[in-house]
Protein backbone atom coordinates (compact mmCIF):
# COMPACT_ATOMS: atom_id res chain seq x y z
CA MET A 1 -4.88 18.16 -36.88
CA GLN A 2 -4.40 15.16 -34.41
CA ASP A 3 -7.55 13.49 -33.01
CA ALA A 4 -8.90 14.58 -29.45
CA VAL A 5 -8.15 12.50 -26.45
CA ASN A 6 -11.30 12.09 -24.40
CA VAL A 7 -10.75 11.63 -20.77
CA LEU A 8 -13.25 10.64 -18.34
CA ILE A 9 -12.71 11.25 -14.71
CA THR A 10 -15.08 9.97 -12.00
CA LEU A 11 -13.50 11.55 -8.73
CA PRO A 12 -13.74 14.86 -7.40
CA PHE A 13 -10.74 16.57 -8.40
CA THR A 14 -10.76 20.31 -7.96
CA ALA A 15 -11.17 22.83 -10.71
CA SER A 16 -7.46 23.71 -10.49
CA GLN A 17 -6.52 20.07 -10.72
CA ILE A 18 -8.65 19.58 -13.72
CA GLU A 19 -6.94 22.52 -15.39
CA LYS A 20 -3.67 21.04 -14.65
CA PHE A 21 -4.69 17.95 -16.74
CA GLN A 22 -6.15 20.18 -19.45
CA SER A 23 -2.96 22.07 -19.62
CA VAL A 24 -1.06 18.87 -20.54
CA SER A 25 -2.02 19.28 -24.32
CA PRO A 26 -4.88 21.04 -26.29
CA ARG A 27 -5.71 17.60 -27.54
CA ILE A 28 -7.17 16.67 -24.30
CA SER A 29 -10.80 16.84 -23.74
CA ILE A 30 -12.11 16.28 -20.21
CA THR A 31 -15.34 15.00 -18.72
CA GLN A 32 -15.70 14.87 -14.95
CA ARG A 33 -18.63 12.78 -13.76
CA GLU A 34 -18.74 11.99 -10.13
CA THR A 35 -20.66 8.84 -9.50
CA LYS A 36 -20.56 5.43 -7.94
CA SER A 37 -22.41 3.63 -10.65
CA VAL A 38 -20.96 2.67 -14.06
CA ASP A 39 -24.57 2.96 -15.43
CA ASP A 40 -24.43 6.74 -14.84
CA LEU A 41 -21.57 6.80 -17.44
CA ALA A 42 -23.43 4.98 -20.30
CA ASP A 43 -23.93 8.16 -22.39
CA VAL A 44 -20.20 8.93 -22.57
CA LEU A 45 -18.32 5.53 -22.42
CA SER A 46 -18.34 4.88 -26.20
CA THR A 47 -16.34 7.96 -26.76
CA ILE A 48 -13.70 7.84 -24.08
CA ASP A 49 -9.97 7.14 -24.56
CA VAL A 50 -8.74 7.37 -21.11
CA LEU A 51 -10.67 6.66 -17.73
CA TYR A 52 -9.66 7.80 -14.28
CA THR A 53 -11.49 5.70 -11.65
CA PHE A 54 -11.40 4.07 -8.12
CA GLY A 55 -13.67 1.05 -8.98
CA LEU A 56 -15.90 1.72 -12.17
CA PHE A 57 -14.98 -0.51 -14.94
CA PRO A 58 -17.27 -0.70 -18.13
CA THR A 59 -17.24 -3.87 -20.27
CA PRO A 60 -14.98 -3.75 -23.25
CA ALA A 61 -17.95 -3.52 -25.53
CA ALA A 62 -19.29 -0.66 -23.81
CA ALA A 63 -15.98 1.45 -24.05
CA PRO A 64 -14.50 0.29 -27.46
CA ARG A 65 -12.13 3.27 -27.80
CA LEU A 66 -10.77 3.07 -24.22
CA ARG A 67 -7.01 2.52 -24.24
CA TRP A 68 -5.89 3.40 -20.67
CA VAL A 69 -7.38 3.23 -17.19
CA GLN A 70 -5.68 5.26 -14.38
CA LEU A 71 -6.61 3.71 -11.06
CA HIS A 72 -6.88 5.97 -7.96
CA GLN A 73 -5.24 3.30 -5.72
CA ALA A 74 -1.97 1.57 -5.34
CA GLY A 75 -3.19 -1.99 -5.33
CA ALA A 76 -4.33 -3.63 -8.58
CA ASP A 77 -5.92 -6.90 -6.87
CA ARG A 78 -9.41 -5.59 -7.27
CA ILE A 79 -9.15 -5.45 -11.14
CA LEU A 80 -7.83 -8.86 -11.87
CA ASP A 81 -11.32 -10.42 -12.29
CA GLN A 82 -12.66 -7.33 -14.40
CA PRO A 83 -13.34 -8.24 -18.13
CA LEU A 84 -11.86 -5.10 -19.11
CA TYR A 85 -8.52 -6.41 -17.50
CA THR A 86 -8.97 -9.96 -18.63
CA ASN A 87 -10.56 -9.67 -22.04
CA SER A 88 -8.77 -6.47 -23.41
CA ASP A 89 -5.48 -4.89 -24.11
CA VAL A 90 -6.40 -1.75 -22.13
CA VAL A 91 -3.37 -0.51 -20.12
CA PHE A 92 -3.87 -0.15 -16.36
CA THR A 93 -1.73 2.13 -14.20
CA THR A 94 -1.91 2.63 -10.42
CA THR A 95 -1.23 5.59 -8.02
CA SER A 96 1.78 3.70 -6.32
CA GLY A 97 4.18 5.98 -4.88
CA ILE A 98 1.77 8.67 -3.77
CA HIS A 99 1.13 6.73 -0.43
CA ALA A 100 4.74 6.41 0.66
CA ILE A 101 4.91 9.28 2.89
CA PRO A 102 1.68 8.64 5.12
CA MET A 103 2.11 4.93 5.21
CA ALA A 104 5.57 5.09 6.12
CA GLU A 105 4.81 7.35 9.05
CA TYR A 106 1.78 5.29 10.00
CA THR A 107 4.44 2.32 10.12
CA MET A 108 6.79 4.22 12.31
CA ALA A 109 3.93 5.25 14.54
CA MET A 110 2.90 1.58 15.11
CA ILE A 111 6.51 0.58 15.82
CA LEU A 112 6.90 3.44 18.22
CA ALA A 113 3.56 2.54 19.89
CA PHE A 114 4.78 -0.98 20.58
CA ALA A 115 8.39 -0.17 21.49
CA HIS A 116 7.20 2.34 24.02
CA ARG A 117 4.32 0.27 25.49
CA LEU A 118 1.68 2.83 24.32
CA PRO A 119 -1.31 0.28 24.68
CA LYS A 120 -0.33 -0.32 28.28
CA ILE A 121 0.05 3.40 28.95
CA MET A 122 -3.51 4.03 27.41
CA GLU A 123 -4.82 1.07 29.50
CA ASP A 124 -3.43 2.67 32.66
CA GLN A 125 -4.81 6.03 31.98
CA LEU A 126 -8.32 4.75 31.33
CA ASN A 127 -8.11 2.85 34.67
CA THR A 128 -6.68 5.94 36.45
CA GLN A 129 -3.81 3.73 37.49
CA TRP A 130 -0.14 4.86 38.33
CA ALA A 131 1.60 1.41 38.09
CA GLU A 132 3.71 0.52 40.91
CA GLU A 133 6.10 -1.52 38.87
CA ARG A 134 6.04 1.08 36.14
CA TRP A 135 9.82 0.75 35.36
CA ASN A 136 9.29 -2.88 34.32
CA ARG A 137 5.72 -2.44 32.98
CA PHE A 138 6.91 0.27 30.50
CA MET A 139 10.49 -0.79 29.74
CA PRO A 140 10.76 0.27 26.15
CA THR A 141 12.50 -1.44 23.19
CA GLU A 142 15.01 1.09 21.80
CA LEU A 143 14.69 1.45 18.04
CA TYR A 144 18.41 2.35 17.92
CA GLY A 145 20.02 -0.92 16.78
CA ALA A 146 16.71 -2.85 16.45
CA THR A 147 16.17 -4.81 13.31
CA LEU A 148 13.22 -3.87 10.97
CA GLY A 149 12.20 -6.24 8.21
CA ILE A 150 10.34 -5.04 5.27
CA VAL A 151 8.50 -7.67 3.19
CA GLY A 152 8.30 -5.96 -0.29
CA TYR A 153 10.75 -3.14 -1.39
CA GLY A 154 8.54 -0.91 -3.46
CA ASN A 155 7.77 2.79 -2.89
CA ILE A 156 6.14 2.41 0.48
CA GLY A 157 8.92 0.00 1.85
CA ARG A 158 11.57 2.38 0.69
CA GLN A 159 10.33 5.28 2.62
CA ILE A 160 9.83 3.12 5.60
CA ALA A 161 13.54 2.00 5.32
CA ARG A 162 14.54 5.69 5.05
CA LEU A 163 12.76 6.68 8.38
CA ALA A 164 13.87 3.45 10.12
CA GLN A 165 17.41 4.48 9.09
CA ALA A 166 17.10 7.93 10.64
CA PHE A 167 16.19 6.12 13.95
CA GLY A 168 19.33 3.93 13.71
CA MET A 169 17.53 0.77 12.94
CA LYS A 170 19.09 -2.29 11.01
CA VAL A 171 16.94 -2.54 7.90
CA LEU A 172 16.49 -5.92 6.11
CA ALA A 173 14.18 -6.12 3.15
CA ILE A 174 12.65 -9.03 0.99
CA LYS A 175 12.60 -8.20 -2.85
CA ARG A 176 11.11 -10.27 -5.64
CA ASP A 177 14.03 -9.22 -8.10
CA LEU A 178 17.39 -8.63 -6.38
CA ARG A 179 18.93 -8.02 -9.79
CA HIS A 180 17.25 -4.65 -10.26
CA LEU A 181 17.53 -2.51 -7.26
CA GLN A 182 16.65 0.85 -9.06
CA GLN A 183 13.14 1.97 -9.46
CA ILE A 184 12.26 2.29 -13.02
CA ASN A 185 9.01 3.84 -14.59
CA THR A 186 7.46 4.14 -11.05
CA TYR A 187 6.21 7.35 -9.74
CA THR A 188 8.03 8.72 -6.59
CA VAL A 189 7.83 11.89 -4.73
CA ILE A 190 10.99 14.02 -4.87
CA ASP A 191 13.42 13.37 -1.99
CA VAL A 192 11.07 10.36 -0.67
CA GLY A 193 12.28 6.85 -0.31
CA ASP A 194 15.24 4.90 -1.37
CA PRO A 195 15.36 5.15 -5.43
CA GLU A 196 18.79 3.40 -5.80
CA GLY A 197 18.04 0.59 -3.28
CA GLU A 198 21.07 1.59 -1.14
CA ILE A 199 19.55 1.56 2.54
CA PRO A 200 19.03 -2.11 3.45
CA ASN A 201 21.75 -3.69 5.41
CA ARG A 202 20.73 -6.87 3.53
CA LEU A 203 18.34 -8.09 0.84
CA TYR A 204 16.63 -11.43 0.70
CA PRO A 205 14.51 -13.24 -2.02
CA PRO A 206 11.04 -14.22 -1.17
CA GLU A 207 12.18 -17.95 -0.84
CA ALA A 208 14.32 -16.95 2.28
CA LEU A 209 11.25 -15.41 4.15
CA HIS A 210 11.54 -17.67 7.26
CA SER A 211 15.16 -17.06 7.74
CA PHE A 212 14.68 -13.54 7.15
CA LEU A 213 11.75 -13.45 9.91
CA GLY A 214 13.92 -14.90 12.41
CA GLU A 215 16.17 -11.92 12.28
CA CYS A 216 13.65 -9.05 12.80
CA ASP A 217 12.28 -7.29 15.85
CA PHE A 218 9.57 -5.55 13.71
CA VAL A 219 8.18 -6.85 10.38
CA VAL A 220 6.07 -4.78 7.97
CA LEU A 221 4.33 -6.15 5.04
CA THR A 222 3.97 -3.91 2.04
CA VAL A 223 3.70 -6.57 -0.78
CA PRO A 224 0.96 -6.53 -3.24
CA LEU A 225 -1.66 -9.29 -3.06
CA THR A 226 -1.30 -11.89 -5.76
CA GLY A 227 -1.53 -15.77 -6.00
CA GLU A 228 2.14 -16.05 -4.73
CA THR A 229 1.61 -13.64 -1.68
CA GLN A 230 -1.69 -14.69 -0.37
CA HIS A 231 -1.15 -16.25 3.27
CA ILE A 232 2.54 -16.06 2.92
CA ILE A 233 2.36 -15.01 6.63
CA ASN A 234 0.87 -18.38 7.78
CA THR A 235 1.63 -20.78 10.91
CA ALA A 236 5.09 -21.74 9.64
CA ALA A 237 5.90 -18.06 9.07
CA LEU A 238 4.74 -16.95 12.40
CA LYS A 239 6.66 -19.77 14.13
CA ALA A 240 9.84 -18.27 12.34
CA MET A 241 9.39 -14.99 13.92
CA LYS A 242 11.13 -13.94 17.45
CA PRO A 243 8.77 -14.28 20.31
CA ASN A 244 8.84 -10.45 21.12
CA ALA A 245 8.52 -9.43 17.43
CA VAL A 246 5.84 -7.14 16.18
CA LEU A 247 3.98 -7.84 12.82
CA ILE A 248 2.65 -4.59 10.91
CA ASN A 249 0.12 -5.17 7.88
CA ILE A 250 -0.42 -2.18 5.58
CA SER A 251 -0.70 -4.16 2.35
CA ARG A 252 -3.74 -6.30 2.17
CA GLY A 253 -5.50 -8.65 4.67
CA ASP A 254 -5.07 -11.78 2.71
CA ILE A 255 -1.38 -11.50 2.97
CA ILE A 256 -1.97 -12.97 6.38
CA ASP A 257 -3.73 -16.11 7.38
CA GLU A 258 -5.74 -14.46 9.99
CA ALA A 259 -6.70 -17.70 11.92
CA ALA A 260 -3.11 -18.59 12.43
CA LEU A 261 -2.30 -15.11 13.59
CA ILE A 262 -5.18 -15.13 16.03
CA GLU A 263 -3.74 -18.40 17.48
CA VAL A 264 -0.32 -16.99 17.78
CA LEU A 265 -1.35 -13.81 19.66
CA ARG A 266 -3.62 -15.49 21.81
CA ALA A 267 -0.67 -17.73 22.99
CA ASP A 268 1.75 -14.70 23.24
CA LYS A 269 4.06 -16.36 20.74
CA ILE A 270 4.98 -12.90 19.20
CA GLY A 271 5.02 -9.58 20.65
CA GLY A 272 1.97 -8.12 18.82
CA ALA A 273 0.37 -6.92 15.74
CA ALA A 274 -0.55 -3.64 14.21
CA LEU A 275 -3.34 -4.22 11.47
CA ASP A 276 -4.68 -1.72 9.09
CA VAL A 277 -5.99 -4.27 6.62
CA PHE A 278 -8.21 -7.39 6.83
CA ALA A 279 -9.41 -10.38 4.92
CA GLU A 280 -12.87 -9.07 5.32
CA GLU A 281 -13.61 -5.36 5.51
CA PRO A 282 -14.93 -3.93 7.47
CA LEU A 283 -13.55 -6.25 10.15
CA PRO A 284 -16.48 -8.17 11.54
CA LYS A 285 -17.44 -7.46 15.07
CA GLU A 286 -17.07 -11.08 16.01
CA SER A 287 -13.52 -11.11 15.06
CA ALA A 288 -11.21 -12.04 17.97
CA LEU A 289 -8.85 -9.48 16.62
CA TRP A 290 -10.91 -6.67 18.15
CA THR A 291 -10.24 -7.66 21.76
CA LEU A 292 -6.75 -9.09 21.77
CA PRO A 293 -4.57 -7.01 24.19
CA ASN A 294 -1.59 -7.22 21.95
CA VAL A 295 -3.14 -5.90 18.72
CA ILE A 296 -3.79 -2.34 17.36
CA ILE A 297 -6.41 -2.04 14.74
CA SER A 298 -7.11 0.64 12.33
CA PRO A 299 -9.80 0.61 9.56
CA HIS A 300 -7.72 0.71 6.33
CA ILE A 301 -6.47 4.27 6.69
CA SER A 302 -2.75 4.03 6.63
CA GLY A 303 -2.59 5.64 3.19
CA THR A 304 -4.94 8.50 4.01
CA SER A 305 -3.35 12.02 3.59
CA PRO A 306 -4.74 15.64 2.97
CA LEU A 307 -2.33 15.69 -0.02
CA TYR A 308 -3.69 12.49 -1.56
CA TYR A 309 -5.54 14.22 -4.46
CA GLU A 310 -2.67 16.57 -5.11
CA ARG A 311 -0.12 13.85 -5.32
CA ALA A 312 -2.51 11.84 -7.44
CA ALA A 313 -3.22 14.81 -9.81
CA ASN A 314 0.69 15.20 -10.19
CA LEU A 315 1.01 11.67 -11.16
CA PHE A 316 -1.94 11.84 -13.36
CA ALA A 317 -0.58 14.74 -15.36
CA GLU A 318 2.61 13.19 -15.81
CA ASN A 319 0.93 10.05 -17.23
CA LEU A 320 -1.24 12.15 -19.38
CA ARG A 321 1.81 13.89 -20.85
CA ARG A 322 3.44 10.46 -21.46
CA PHE A 323 0.24 9.08 -23.19
CA ILE A 324 0.11 12.06 -25.59
CA SER A 325 3.91 11.66 -26.42
CA GLY A 326 3.78 7.86 -26.73
CA GLU A 327 6.21 7.37 -23.75
CA PRO A 328 5.80 4.42 -21.19
CA LEU A 329 3.36 5.25 -18.53
CA LEU A 330 4.43 5.19 -14.80
CA ASN A 331 3.03 2.47 -12.44
CA GLN A 332 1.81 0.25 -15.47
CA VAL A 333 0.28 -3.11 -14.15
CA GLU A 334 2.17 -6.02 -15.65
CA ARG A 335 -0.48 -8.66 -16.48
CA ASN A 336 1.97 -11.46 -15.88
CA ARG A 337 2.50 -10.42 -12.30
CA GLY A 338 -0.95 -8.97 -11.40
CA TYR A 339 0.60 -5.55 -10.12
């Protein structure tokens, strides 16, 4: 008989979801331990083969049998300095793909908010003001025919492109590897996104960022945070944007040089920004971003969904099946790339 595969889960999946994991194979033995401290896991770490976690990482010595860590988030930037990542051959996988629907809808909400002057509408409502020059004050930007630029054409970017196409927008995208447009070994929700990479009117390499930015009415950032992407939106990039363009960040705060962005927004050199992520979170109360009239701020919630755990469970069940069968896991973090 083959050995048992011991799985430790540190998050509150439901009993039916745990049963879904267990049903993958009789070899699987599951321990569910909801905790925020790795010290609470000391009695089981030495026996586990698989760990499902948001941010609890044992040392390699504490978990000698551990072969695979399934993260509960899409980004891998928070594991890059963990000894379990740097000093072991443990495989890490992410939940990339489960966020595509809510994050794409959030992005379109921000695009529509700026296009139809929602901040000004809410301002007038709070001031009980019926604008005399309302035709000019609230003149919209029609999305039909406008250009959306997507920096990073992964699962989230592809679903954003799908929704933008439905609005009649022209879609441009930056993709690291233009030779491979199809998604391979990546989790996708059925009938979501652009698996074949067919939607964009034009694709750009990262080196063409500034010329790309000059074409866009709206720009959304969906790239992972790595050494190569940190502060790619800097003073020079912001100067390359159209004066009325809107910047939307749903990736990581350090993709943007916030000081440079504040300077450009204060001077009305771009149309505005919708920001869900920040270099420091929570965003400090003294940040100028809170009070700029051309900024919409949300507290890192664009990926939130009532179906988050259900989609994460579907992904983990499939990866468990692949792990038992010796097949490549979905969403595997590549150490040479950092995501």
